[in-house]
Amino acid sequence: MRSELRKKISEVCARKIGVKGESVGLSFYAFFANKNDDPELLMEAATWWIKTHELNHFEKATKIKQMVEAGI
Protein backbone atom coordinates (compact mmCIF):
# COMPACT_ATOMS: atom_id res chain seq x y z
CA MET A 1 0.00 0.00 0.00
CA ARG A 2 1.36 3.41 -0.92
CA SER A 3 2.47 5.69 1.87
CA GLU A 4 -0.08 8.40 1.05
CA LEU A 5 -2.92 5.92 1.66
CA ARG A 6 -1.34 4.62 4.88
CA LYS A 7 -1.07 8.17 6.17
CA LYS A 8 -4.66 8.97 5.21
CA ILE A 9 -5.99 5.81 6.91
CA SER A 10 -4.00 6.50 10.08
CA GLU A 11 -5.25 10.09 10.24
CA VAL A 12 -8.90 9.17 9.63
CA CYS A 13 -8.74 6.41 12.25
CA ALA A 14 -7.18 8.77 14.80
CA ARG A 15 -9.85 11.39 14.12
CA LYS A 16 -12.72 8.86 14.42
CA ILE A 17 -11.25 7.43 17.64
CA GLY A 18 -10.85 10.94 19.05
CA VAL A 19 -14.47 11.82 18.32
CA LYS A 20 -16.27 8.54 19.02
CA GLY A 21 -13.91 6.61 21.29
CA GLU A 22 -11.88 3.42 21.17
CA SER A 23 -14.81 1.21 20.17
CA VAL A 24 -15.66 3.04 16.94
CA GLY A 25 -15.88 0.87 13.86
CA LEU A 26 -15.44 1.82 10.23
CA SER A 27 -15.23 0.45 6.73
CA PHE A 28 -12.67 1.26 4.06
CA TYR A 29 -15.18 3.71 2.58
CA ALA A 30 -14.49 6.00 5.57
CA PHE A 31 -11.23 7.05 3.91
CA PHE A 32 -12.91 8.49 0.82
CA ALA A 33 -15.40 11.18 -0.15
CA ASN A 34 -18.88 10.13 -1.23
CA LYS A 35 -17.79 10.48 -4.81
CA ASN A 36 -15.42 8.25 -6.70
CA ASP A 37 -12.73 10.84 -7.45
CA ASP A 38 -9.76 8.45 -7.16
CA PRO A 39 -10.80 4.94 -8.25
CA GLU A 40 -7.25 3.54 -8.16
CA LEU A 41 -6.74 4.57 -4.53
CA LEU A 42 -10.18 3.25 -3.60
CA MET A 43 -9.40 -0.11 -5.21
CA GLU A 44 -6.04 -0.23 -3.45
CA ALA A 45 -7.77 0.25 -0.08
CA ALA A 46 -10.50 -2.26 -0.97
CA THR A 47 -7.96 -4.86 -2.07
CA TRP A 48 -5.92 -4.42 1.13
CA TRP A 49 -9.06 -4.62 3.29
CA ILE A 50 -11.05 -7.36 1.54
CA LYS A 51 -8.69 -9.51 -0.47
CA THR A 52 -5.39 -9.26 1.37
CA HIS A 53 -6.62 -9.31 4.97
CA GLU A 54 -10.18 -10.68 4.60
CA LEU A 55 -11.49 -8.10 7.08
CA ASN A 56 -15.17 -7.72 7.90
CA HIS A 57 -17.09 -4.84 6.38
CA PHE A 58 -16.79 -2.94 9.67
CA GLU A 59 -13.70 -3.20 11.85
CA LYS A 60 -12.48 -1.31 14.92
CA ALA A 61 -10.60 1.84 13.94
CA THR A 62 -7.95 0.99 16.55
CA LYS A 63 -7.26 -2.34 14.83
CA ILE A 64 -6.97 -0.78 11.37
CA LYS A 65 -4.75 2.03 12.63
CA GLN A 66 -2.41 -0.46 14.32
CA MET A 67 -2.23 -2.64 11.19
CA VAL A 68 -1.48 0.28 8.89
CA GLU A 69 1.12 1.81 11.18
CA ALA A 70 2.82 -1.59 11.57
CA GLY A 71 3.07 -1.89 7.79
CA ILE A 72 0.82 -4.94 7.62
PDB file of N, CA and C in Angstrom:
ATOM      1  N   MET A   1       0.848  -1.175   0.000  1.00  0.00           N
ATOM      2  CA  MET A   1       0.000   0.000   0.000  1.00  0.00           C
ATOM      3  C   MET A   1       0.891   1.235   0.000  1.00  0.00           C
ATOM      4  N   ARG A   2       0.539   2.191  -0.844  1.00  0.00           N
ATOM      5  CA  ARG A   2       1.355   3.412  -0.924  1.00  0.00           C
ATOM      6  C   ARG A   2       1.278   4.235   0.355  1.00  0.00           C
ATOM      7  N   SER A   3       2.352   4.951   0.614  1.00  0.00           N
ATOM      8  CA  SER A   3       2.474   5.689   1.874  1.00  0.00           C
ATOM      9  C   SER A   3       1.395   6.756   2.039  1.00  0.00           C
ATOM     10  N   GLU A   4       0.968   7.377   0.959  1.00  0.00           N
ATOM     11  CA  GLU A   4      -0.082   8.400   1.051  1.00  0.00           C
ATOM     12  C   GLU A   4      -1.386   7.800   1.596  1.00  0.00           C
ATOM     13  N   LEU A   5      -1.701   6.574   1.178  1.00  0.00           N
ATOM     14  CA  LEU A   5      -2.920   5.917   1.663  1.00  0.00           C
ATOM     15  C   LEU A   5      -2.751   5.503   3.118  1.00  0.00           C
ATOM     16  N   ARG A   6      -1.590   4.982   3.481  1.00  0.00           N
ATOM     17  CA  ARG A   6      -1.345   4.617   4.884  1.00  0.00           C
ATOM     18  C   ARG A   6      -1.515   5.826   5.794  1.00  0.00           C
ATOM     19  N   LYS A   7      -0.961   6.947   5.374  1.00  0.00           N
ATOM     20  CA  LYS A   7      -1.066   8.173   6.167  1.00  0.00           C
ATOM     21  C   LYS A   7      -2.523   8.609   6.303  1.00  0.00           C
ATOM     22  N   LYS A   8      -3.246   8.578   5.211  1.00  0.00           N
ATOM     23  CA  LYS A   8      -4.658   8.972   5.214  1.00  0.00           C
ATOM     24  C   LYS A   8      -5.476   8.075   6.146  1.00  0.00           C
ATOM     25  N   ILE A   9      -5.262   6.767   6.066  1.00  0.00           N
ATOM     26  CA  ILE A   9      -5.987   5.814   6.908  1.00  0.00           C
ATOM     27  C   ILE A   9      -5.674   6.065   8.377  1.00  0.00           C
ATOM     28  N   SER A  10      -4.404   6.243   8.687  1.00  0.00           N
ATOM     29  CA  SER A  10      -4.002   6.496  10.076  1.00  0.00           C
ATOM     30  C   SER A  10      -4.652   7.766  10.615  1.00  0.00           C
ATOM     31  N   GLU A  11      -4.655   8.822   9.816  1.00  0.00           N
ATOM     32  CA  GLU A  11      -5.251  10.093  10.237  1.00  0.00           C
ATOM     33  C   GLU A  11      -6.756   9.986  10.444  1.00  0.00           C
ATOM     34  N   VAL A  12      -7.443   9.330   9.512  1.00  0.00           N
ATOM     35  CA  VAL A  12      -8.898   9.172   9.635  1.00  0.00           C
ATOM     36  C   VAL A  12      -9.233   8.335  10.858  1.00  0.00           C
ATOM     37  N   CYS A  13      -8.502   7.251  11.073  1.00  0.00           N
ATOM     38  CA  CYS A  13      -8.744   6.409  12.249  1.00  0.00           C
ATOM     39  C   CYS A  13      -8.544   7.210  13.534  1.00  0.00           C
ATOM     40  N   ALA A  14      -7.459   7.965  13.601  1.00  0.00           N
ATOM     41  CA  ALA A  14      -7.179   8.768  14.797  1.00  0.00           C
ATOM     42  C   ALA A  14      -8.302   9.769  15.045  1.00  0.00           C
ATOM     43  N   ARG A  15      -8.772  10.406  13.981  1.00  0.00           N
ATOM     44  CA  ARG A  15      -9.854  11.385  14.115  1.00  0.00           C
ATOM     45  C   ARG A  15     -11.144  10.730  14.599  1.00  0.00           C
ATOM     46  N   LYS A  16     -11.496   9.584  14.016  1.00  0.00           N
ATOM     47  CA  LYS A  16     -12.717   8.862  14.419  1.00  0.00           C
ATOM     48  C   LYS A  16     -12.620   8.399  15.870  1.00  0.00           C
ATOM     49  N   ILE A  17     -11.463   7.881  16.260  1.00  0.00           N
ATOM     50  CA  ILE A  17     -11.249   7.430  17.639  1.00  0.00           C
ATOM     51  C   ILE A  17     -11.367   8.615  18.591  1.00  0.00           C
ATOM     52  N   GLY A  18     -10.793   9.738  18.214  1.00  0.00           N
ATOM     53  CA  GLY A  18     -10.847  10.935  19.046  1.00  0.00           C
ATOM     54  C   GLY A  18     -12.262  11.445  19.261  1.00  0.00           C
ATOM     55  N   VAL A  19     -13.099  11.319  18.246  1.00  0.00           N
ATOM     56  CA  VAL A  19     -14.474  11.821  18.323  1.00  0.00           C
ATOM     57  C   VAL A  19     -15.412  10.809  18.980  1.00  0.00           C
ATOM     58  N   LYS A  20     -15.291   9.542  18.597  1.00  0.00           N
ATOM     59  CA  LYS A  20     -16.274   8.535  19.017  1.00  0.00           C
ATOM     60  C   LYS A  20     -15.756   7.510  20.011  1.00  0.00           C
ATOM     61  N   GLY A  21     -14.460   7.534  20.308  1.00  0.00           N
ATOM     62  CA  GLY A  21     -13.911   6.611  21.286  1.00  0.00           C
ATOM     63  C   GLY A  21     -13.273   5.372  20.685  1.00  0.00           C
ATOM     64  N   GLU A  22     -12.652   4.602  21.551  1.00  0.00           N
ATOM     65  CA  GLU A  22     -11.881   3.415  21.167  1.00  0.00           C
ATOM     66  C   GLU A  22     -12.704   2.316  20.490  1.00  0.00           C
ATOM     67  N   SER A  23     -14.000   2.304  20.714  1.00  0.00           N
ATOM     68  CA  SER A  23     -14.813   1.214  20.172  1.00  0.00           C
ATOM     69  C   SER A  23     -15.415   1.517  18.809  1.00  0.00           C
ATOM     70  N   VAL A  24     -15.079   2.669  18.229  1.00  0.00           N
ATOM     71  CA  VAL A  24     -15.664   3.041  16.945  1.00  0.00           C
ATOM     72  C   VAL A  24     -15.210   2.085  15.846  1.00  0.00           C
ATOM     73  N   GLY A  25     -16.166   1.720  15.001  1.00  0.00           N
ATOM     74  CA  GLY A  25     -15.882   0.873  13.858  1.00  0.00           C
ATOM     75  C   GLY A  25     -15.982   1.675  12.580  1.00  0.00           C
ATOM     76  N   LEU A  26     -15.348   1.169  11.525  1.00  0.00           N
ATOM     77  CA  LEU A  26     -15.442   1.824  10.230  1.00  0.00           C
ATOM     78  C   LEU A  26     -15.191   0.831   9.120  1.00  0.00           C
ATOM     79  N   SER A  27     -15.533   1.244   7.913  1.00  0.00           N
ATOM     80  CA  SER A  27     -15.225   0.446   6.729  1.00  0.00           C
ATOM     81  C   SER A  27     -14.200   1.205   5.904  1.00  0.00           C
ATOM     82  N   PHE A  28     -13.686   0.583   4.861  1.00  0.00           N
ATOM     83  CA  PHE A  28     -12.673   1.264   4.057  1.00  0.00           C
ATOM     84  C   PHE A  28     -13.246   2.471   3.323  1.00  0.00           C
ATOM     85  N   TYR A  29     -14.547   2.539   3.204  1.00  0.00           N
ATOM     86  CA  TYR A  29     -15.177   3.706   2.578  1.00  0.00           C
ATOM     87  C   TYR A  29     -14.970   4.972   3.416  1.00  0.00           C
ATOM     88  N   ALA A  30     -14.676   4.839   4.687  1.00  0.00           N
ATOM     89  CA  ALA A  30     -14.487   5.997   5.571  1.00  0.00           C
ATOM     90  C   ALA A  30     -13.301   6.857   5.145  1.00  0.00           C
ATOM     91  N   PHE A  31     -12.433   6.334   4.302  1.00  0.00           N
ATOM     92  CA  PHE A  31     -11.228   7.050   3.908  1.00  0.00           C
ATOM     93  C   PHE A  31     -11.412   7.852   2.623  1.00  0.00           C
ATOM     94  N   PHE A  32     -12.641   7.866   2.104  1.00  0.00           N
ATOM     95  CA  PHE A  32     -12.908   8.495   0.819  1.00  0.00           C
ATOM     96  C   PHE A  32     -14.157   9.359   0.877  1.00  0.00           C
ATOM     97  N   ALA A  33     -14.217  10.337  -0.013  1.00  0.00           N
ATOM     98  CA  ALA A  33     -15.402  11.179  -0.152  1.00  0.00           C
ATOM     99  C   ALA A  33     -16.533  10.334  -0.736  1.00  0.00           C
ATOM    100  N   ASN A  34     -17.726  10.852  -0.696  1.00  0.00           N
ATOM    101  CA  ASN A  34     -18.884  10.126  -1.225  1.00  0.00           C
ATOM    102  C   ASN A  34     -18.926  10.098  -2.745  1.00  0.00           C
ATOM    103  N   LYS A  35     -17.880  10.577  -3.359  1.00  0.00           N
ATOM    104  CA  LYS A  35     -17.788  10.481  -4.810  1.00  0.00           C
ATOM    105  C   LYS A  35     -16.513   9.729  -5.163  1.00  0.00           C
ATOM    106  N   ASN A  36     -16.536   9.086  -6.272  1.00  0.00           N
ATOM    107  CA  ASN A  36     -15.419   8.248  -6.701  1.00  0.00           C
ATOM    108  C   ASN A  36     -14.429   9.100  -7.493  1.00  0.00           C
ATOM    109  N   ASP A  37     -13.659   9.931  -6.774  1.00  0.00           N
ATOM    110  CA  ASP A  37     -12.730  10.835  -7.453  1.00  0.00           C
ATOM    111  C   ASP A  37     -11.323  10.262  -7.613  1.00  0.00           C
ATOM    112  N   ASP A  38     -11.049   9.112  -7.002  1.00  0.00           N
ATOM    113  CA  ASP A  38      -9.756   8.451  -7.162  1.00  0.00           C
ATOM    114  C   ASP A  38      -9.960   6.938  -7.129  1.00  0.00           C
ATOM    115  N   PRO A  39     -10.476   6.368  -8.236  1.00  0.00           N
ATOM    116  CA  PRO A  39     -10.801   4.941  -8.248  1.00  0.00           C
ATOM    117  C   PRO A  39      -9.617   4.017  -7.977  1.00  0.00           C
ATOM    118  N   GLU A  40      -8.423   4.398  -8.405  1.00  0.00           N
ATOM    119  CA  GLU A  40      -7.249   3.544  -8.164  1.00  0.00           C
ATOM    120  C   GLU A  40      -6.933   3.447  -6.673  1.00  0.00           C
ATOM    121  N   LEU A  41      -7.007   4.574  -5.970  1.00  0.00           N
ATOM    122  CA  LEU A  41      -6.735   4.574  -4.533  1.00  0.00           C
ATOM    123  C   LEU A  41      -7.820   3.807  -3.775  1.00  0.00           C
ATOM    124  N   LEU A  42      -9.069   3.988  -4.202  1.00  0.00           N
ATOM    125  CA  LEU A  42     -10.180   3.249  -3.597  1.00  0.00           C
ATOM    126  C   LEU A  42      -9.989   1.744  -3.772  1.00  0.00           C
ATOM    127  N   MET A  43      -9.606   1.319  -4.963  1.00  0.00           N
ATOM    128  CA  MET A  43      -9.396  -0.110  -5.207  1.00  0.00           C
ATOM    129  C   MET A  43      -8.205  -0.646  -4.428  1.00  0.00           C
ATOM    130  N   GLU A  44      -7.197   0.181  -4.246  1.00  0.00           N
ATOM    131  CA  GLU A  44      -6.044  -0.231  -3.446  1.00  0.00           C
ATOM    132  C   GLU A  44      -6.466  -0.490  -2.000  1.00  0.00           C
ATOM    133  N   ALA A  45      -7.269   0.424  -1.451  1.00  0.00           N
ATOM    134  CA  ALA A  45      -7.769   0.248  -0.081  1.00  0.00           C
ATOM    135  C   ALA A  45      -8.686  -0.962   0.009  1.00  0.00           C
ATOM    136  N   ALA A  46      -9.568  -1.122  -0.965  1.00  0.00           N
ATOM    137  CA  ALA A  46     -10.498  -2.256  -0.968  1.00  0.00           C
ATOM    138  C   ALA A  46      -9.749  -3.585  -1.059  1.00  0.00           C
ATOM    139  N   THR A  47      -8.753  -3.634  -1.914  1.00  0.00           N
ATOM    140  CA  THR A  47      -7.959  -4.862  -2.066  1.00  0.00           C
ATOM    141  C   THR A  47      -7.242  -5.205  -0.772  1.00  0.00           C
ATOM    142  N   TRP A  48      -6.609  -4.201  -0.144  1.00  0.00           N
ATOM    143  CA  TRP A  48      -5.917  -4.416   1.129  1.00  0.00           C
ATOM    144  C   TRP A  48      -6.886  -4.930   2.183  1.00  0.00           C
ATOM    145  N   TRP A  49      -8.064  -4.311   2.261  1.00  0.00           N
ATOM    146  CA  TRP A  49      -9.060  -4.618   3.289  1.00  0.00           C
ATOM    147  C   TRP A  49      -9.718  -5.973   3.042  1.00  0.00           C
ATOM    148  N   ILE A  50     -10.215  -6.196   1.835  1.00  0.00           N
ATOM    149  CA  ILE A  50     -11.051  -7.362   1.537  1.00  0.00           C
ATOM    150  C   ILE A  50     -10.231  -8.576   1.108  1.00  0.00           C
ATOM    151  N   LYS A  51      -9.393  -8.379   0.119  1.00  0.00           N
ATOM    152  CA  LYS A  51      -8.690  -9.515  -0.470  1.00  0.00           C
ATOM    153  C   LYS A  51      -7.454  -9.919   0.320  1.00  0.00           C
ATOM    154  N   THR A  52      -6.638  -8.940   0.693  1.00  0.00           N
ATOM    155  CA  THR A  52      -5.386  -9.259   1.373  1.00  0.00           C
ATOM    156  C   THR A  52      -5.612  -9.735   2.804  1.00  0.00           C
ATOM    157  N   HIS A  53      -6.455  -9.015   3.553  1.00  0.00           N
ATOM    158  CA  HIS A  53      -6.619  -9.313   4.975  1.00  0.00           C
ATOM    159  C   HIS A  53      -7.956  -9.927   5.347  1.00  0.00           C
ATOM    160  N   GLU A  54      -8.869 -10.062   4.375  1.00  0.00           N
ATOM    161  CA  GLU A  54     -10.180 -10.679   4.599  1.00  0.00           C
ATOM    162  C   GLU A  54     -10.875 -10.111   5.834  1.00  0.00           C
ATOM    163  N   LEU A  55     -10.849  -8.776   5.949  1.00  0.00           N
ATOM    164  CA  LEU A  55     -11.485  -8.104   7.081  1.00  0.00           C
ATOM    165  C   LEU A  55     -12.990  -8.023   6.869  1.00  0.00           C
ATOM    166  N   ASN A  56     -13.728  -7.914   7.966  1.00  0.00           N
ATOM    167  CA  ASN A  56     -15.170  -7.724   7.897  1.00  0.00           C
ATOM    168  C   ASN A  56     -15.474  -6.348   7.328  1.00  0.00           C
ATOM    169  N   HIS A  57     -16.717  -6.133   6.936  1.00  0.00           N
ATOM    170  CA  HIS A  57     -17.090  -4.836   6.376  1.00  0.00           C
ATOM    171  C   HIS A  57     -16.777  -3.709   7.362  1.00  0.00           C
ATOM    172  N   PHE A  58     -17.125  -3.911   8.636  1.00  0.00           N
ATOM    173  CA  PHE A  58     -16.789  -2.943   9.674  1.00  0.00           C
ATOM    174  C   PHE A  58     -15.775  -3.554  10.617  1.00  0.00           C
ATOM    175  N   GLU A  59     -14.730  -2.786  10.910  1.00  0.00           N
ATOM    176  CA  GLU A  59     -13.696  -3.204  11.851  1.00  0.00           C
ATOM    177  C   GLU A  59     -13.429  -2.045  12.809  1.00  0.00           C
ATOM    178  N   LYS A  60     -12.847  -2.344  13.944  1.00  0.00           N
ATOM    179  CA  LYS A  60     -12.483  -1.311  14.917  1.00  0.00           C
ATOM    180  C   LYS A  60     -11.400  -0.421  14.311  1.00  0.00           C
ATOM    181  N   ALA A  61     -11.581   0.885  14.458  1.00  0.00           N
ATOM    182  CA  ALA A  61     -10.597   1.835  13.939  1.00  0.00           C
ATOM    183  C   ALA A  61      -9.235   1.620  14.588  1.00  0.00           C
ATOM    184  N   THR A  62      -9.227   1.235  15.862  1.00  0.00           N
ATOM    185  CA  THR A  62      -7.949   0.991  16.548  1.00  0.00           C
ATOM    186  C   THR A  62      -7.183  -0.149  15.879  1.00  0.00           C
ATOM    187  N   LYS A  63      -7.889  -1.194  15.483  1.00  0.00           N
ATOM    188  CA  LYS A  63      -7.256  -2.342  14.826  1.00  0.00           C
ATOM    189  C   LYS A  63      -6.663  -1.926  13.477  1.00  0.00           C
ATOM    190  N   ILE A  64      -7.433  -1.200  12.694  1.00  0.00           N
ATOM    191  CA  ILE A  64      -6.972  -0.775  11.371  1.00  0.00           C
ATOM    192  C   ILE A  64      -5.773   0.159  11.499  1.00  0.00           C
ATOM    193  N   LYS A  65      -5.842   1.083  12.426  1.00  0.00           N
ATOM    194  CA  LYS A  65      -4.748   2.031  12.634  1.00  0.00           C
ATOM    195  C   LYS A  65      -3.468   1.279  13.012  1.00  0.00           C
ATOM    196  N   GLN A  66      -3.577   0.320  13.901  1.00  0.00           N
ATOM    197  CA  GLN A  66      -2.410  -0.463  14.320  1.00  0.00           C
ATOM    198  C   GLN A  66      -1.828  -1.251  13.143  1.00  0.00           C
ATOM    199  N   MET A  67      -2.688  -1.849  12.343  1.00  0.00           N
ATOM    200  CA  MET A  67      -2.233  -2.636  11.189  1.00  0.00           C
ATOM    201  C   MET A  67      -1.495  -1.751  10.196  1.00  0.00           C
ATOM    202  N   VAL A  68      -2.078  -0.617   9.885  1.00  0.00           N
ATOM    203  CA  VAL A  68      -1.481   0.282   8.885  1.00  0.00           C
ATOM    204  C   VAL A  68      -0.162   0.837   9.390  1.00  0.00           C
ATOM    205  N   GLU A  69      -0.116   1.246  10.630  1.00  0.00           N
ATOM    206  CA  GLU A  69       1.121   1.811  11.176  1.00  0.00           C
ATOM    207  C   GLU A  69       2.218   0.761  11.341  1.00  0.00           C
ATOM    208  N   ALA A  70       1.833  -0.502  11.490  1.00  0.00           N
ATOM    209  CA  ALA A  70       2.815  -1.587  11.573  1.00  0.00           C
ATOM    210  C   ALA A  70       3.292  -2.057  10.194  1.00  0.00           C
ATOM    211  N   GLY A  71       2.670  -1.528   9.155  1.00  0.00           N
ATOM    212  CA  GLY A  71       3.065  -1.893   7.792  1.00  0.00           C
ATOM    213  C   GLY A  71       2.494  -3.205   7.331  1.00  0.00           C
ATOM    214  N   ILE A  72       1.445  -3.646   7.981  1.00  0.00           N
ATOM    215  CA  ILE A  72       0.820  -4.936   7.617  1.00  0.00           C
ATOM    216  C   ILE A  72      -0.046  -4.759   6.395  1.00  0.00           C
TER     217      ILE A  72
END
